[in-house]
Amino acid sequence: MNVTLRQLRAFTGVYRTRSITRAARELGITQSAASLLIQQLETQLGVKLFDRSTRSVQPTLAANEAFLAAERMLGDALGLSRRMGDGADGAGGAIRAGVDDIRLILRGFLEAVLLWRRGRDSNPR
């Protein structure tokens, strides 16, 4: 599974605005790009995140479960970026965060979705 920060930004944007078009505008991307990011995320996670109609986008239970984790991870990624940009000793300079750092940030999101799926699968309605 290779979830990206772009996918998480699109997901949280659509979740908050309940609109792919408005979220795309906020992110500075096209509506089709935002839609594709959501579709990719749903495919990678194996869950449907939104019920879509021609006029609305409604989050599913999986989206409700994943939203707070995704927001927290995006905040952590932003904080990491700021800390690294400020330099570890506060003197400034460039410090790069590697792929492993991003993987750690995304792990909580994926765990939240997988726990939700396990709970849903063990308690069918």
Protein backbone atom coordinates (compact mmCIF):
# COMPACT_ATOMS: atom_id res chain seq x y z
CA MET A 1 0.00 0.00 0.00
CA ASN A 2 1.43 3.38 -0.97
CA VAL A 3 -0.83 6.12 0.41
CA THR A 4 0.41 9.62 -0.37
CA LEU A 5 0.06 12.93 1.39
CA ARG A 6 -1.64 14.28 -1.76
CA GLN A 7 -4.30 11.58 -1.42
CA LEU A 8 -4.79 12.39 2.25
CA ARG A 9 -5.09 16.12 1.47
CA ALA A 10 -7.70 15.38 -1.19
CA PHE A 11 -9.55 13.06 1.18
CA THR A 12 -9.67 15.55 4.05
CA GLY A 13 -10.60 18.38 1.68
CA VAL A 14 -13.53 16.46 0.21
CA TYR A 15 -14.57 15.29 3.67
CA ARG A 16 -14.64 18.84 5.04
CA THR A 17 -16.30 20.51 2.03
CA ARG A 18 -18.52 17.59 0.96
CA SER A 19 -17.57 18.58 -2.57
CA ILE A 20 -14.85 17.32 -4.88
CA THR A 21 -14.99 20.56 -6.86
CA ARG A 22 -14.59 22.82 -3.80
CA ALA A 23 -11.82 20.64 -2.37
CA ALA A 24 -9.99 20.69 -5.70
CA ARG A 25 -10.25 24.46 -5.81
CA GLU A 26 -8.81 24.73 -2.29
CA LEU A 27 -5.95 22.40 -3.22
CA GLY A 28 -5.23 24.17 -6.48
CA ILE A 29 -5.86 21.10 -8.63
CA THR A 30 -8.52 20.11 -11.13
CA GLN A 31 -11.73 18.37 -10.13
CA SER A 32 -10.71 15.30 -12.13
CA ALA A 33 -7.33 15.16 -10.35
CA ALA A 34 -9.03 15.33 -6.94
CA SER A 35 -11.49 12.64 -7.97
CA LEU A 36 -8.66 10.42 -9.18
CA LEU A 37 -6.76 10.87 -5.89
CA ILE A 38 -9.86 9.78 -3.94
CA GLN A 39 -10.39 6.78 -6.23
CA GLN A 40 -6.75 5.74 -5.83
CA LEU A 41 -6.99 6.01 -2.04
CA GLU A 42 -10.18 3.96 -1.97
CA THR A 43 -8.56 1.29 -4.13
CA GLN A 44 -5.44 1.15 -1.99
CA LEU A 45 -7.40 0.96 1.26
CA GLY A 46 -10.03 -1.39 -0.10
CA VAL A 47 -12.88 0.71 1.29
CA LYS A 48 -15.37 3.15 -0.15
CA LEU A 49 -14.82 6.55 1.46
CA PHE A 50 -17.64 8.54 -0.14
CA ASP A 51 -21.10 7.95 -1.54
CA ARG A 52 -21.22 10.13 -4.64
CA SER A 53 -24.13 11.50 -6.58
CA THR A 54 -24.23 14.17 -9.24
CA ARG A 55 -24.96 16.82 -6.60
CA SER A 56 -23.33 15.64 -3.38
CA VAL A 57 -20.55 13.67 -1.77
CA GLN A 58 -21.35 12.02 1.55
CA PRO A 59 -18.71 10.33 3.71
CA THR A 60 -19.13 6.65 4.53
CA LEU A 61 -18.56 5.18 7.98
CA ALA A 62 -15.01 4.33 6.89
CA ALA A 63 -14.38 7.99 6.02
CA ASN A 64 -15.75 9.09 9.38
CA GLU A 65 -13.38 6.70 11.13
CA ALA A 66 -10.36 7.73 9.05
CA PHE A 67 -10.82 11.51 8.97
CA LEU A 68 -9.34 12.40 12.37
CA ALA A 69 -6.37 10.10 11.81
CA ALA A 70 -5.76 11.66 8.38
CA GLU A 71 -5.97 15.19 9.81
CA ARG A 72 -3.55 14.27 12.57
CA MET A 73 -1.09 12.77 10.09
CA LEU A 74 -1.23 15.78 7.81
CA GLY A 75 -0.60 17.99 10.83
CA ASP A 76 2.31 15.77 11.87
CA ALA A 77 3.75 15.93 8.35
CA LEU A 78 3.46 19.72 8.35
CA GLY A 79 5.05 19.93 11.78
CA LEU A 80 7.86 17.64 10.67
CA SER A 81 8.43 19.77 7.60
CA ARG A 82 8.54 22.94 9.70
CA ARG A 83 10.89 21.43 12.27
CA MET A 84 13.21 20.14 9.60
CA GLY A 85 13.13 23.47 7.78
CA ASP A 86 14.05 25.30 11.00
CA GLY A 87 16.97 22.94 11.57
CA ALA A 88 17.40 20.54 14.41
CA ASP A 89 19.46 22.99 16.49
CA GLY A 90 17.34 26.03 15.69
CA ALA A 91 20.12 27.60 13.65
CA GLY A 92 18.42 27.05 10.34
CA GLY A 93 19.65 25.06 7.40
CA ALA A 94 18.31 22.25 5.31
CA ILE A 95 17.46 18.87 6.79
CA ARG A 96 15.63 16.39 4.64
CA ALA A 97 12.97 13.96 5.86
CA GLY A 98 13.13 10.61 4.16
CA VAL A 99 10.48 8.21 2.96
CA ASP A 100 10.67 6.32 6.26
CA ASP A 101 9.53 9.46 8.12
CA ILE A 102 6.47 9.76 5.90
CA ARG A 103 5.75 6.05 6.31
CA LEU A 104 5.67 6.51 10.08
CA ILE A 105 3.22 9.38 9.72
CA LEU A 106 0.94 7.38 7.41
CA ARG A 107 1.04 4.23 9.55
CA GLY A 108 -1.52 5.58 12.03
CA PHE A 109 -3.97 6.39 9.24
CA LEU A 110 -3.69 2.94 7.73
CA GLU A 111 -4.01 1.27 11.12
CA ALA A 112 -7.19 3.23 11.85
CA VAL A 113 -8.76 2.14 8.56
CA LEU A 114 -7.70 -1.49 8.99
CA LEU A 115 -9.05 -1.59 12.55
CA TRP A 116 -12.32 -0.15 11.32
CA ARG A 117 -12.50 -2.77 8.55
CA ARG A 118 -11.79 -5.62 10.96
CA GLY A 119 -14.50 -4.37 13.31
CA ARG A 120 -16.97 -4.01 10.47
CA ASP A 121 -16.15 -7.45 9.03
CA SER A 122 -16.50 -9.17 12.41
CA ASN A 123 -19.85 -7.45 13.10
CA PRO A 124 -21.86 -7.73 9.86
CA ARG A 125 -25.23 -6.06 9.87
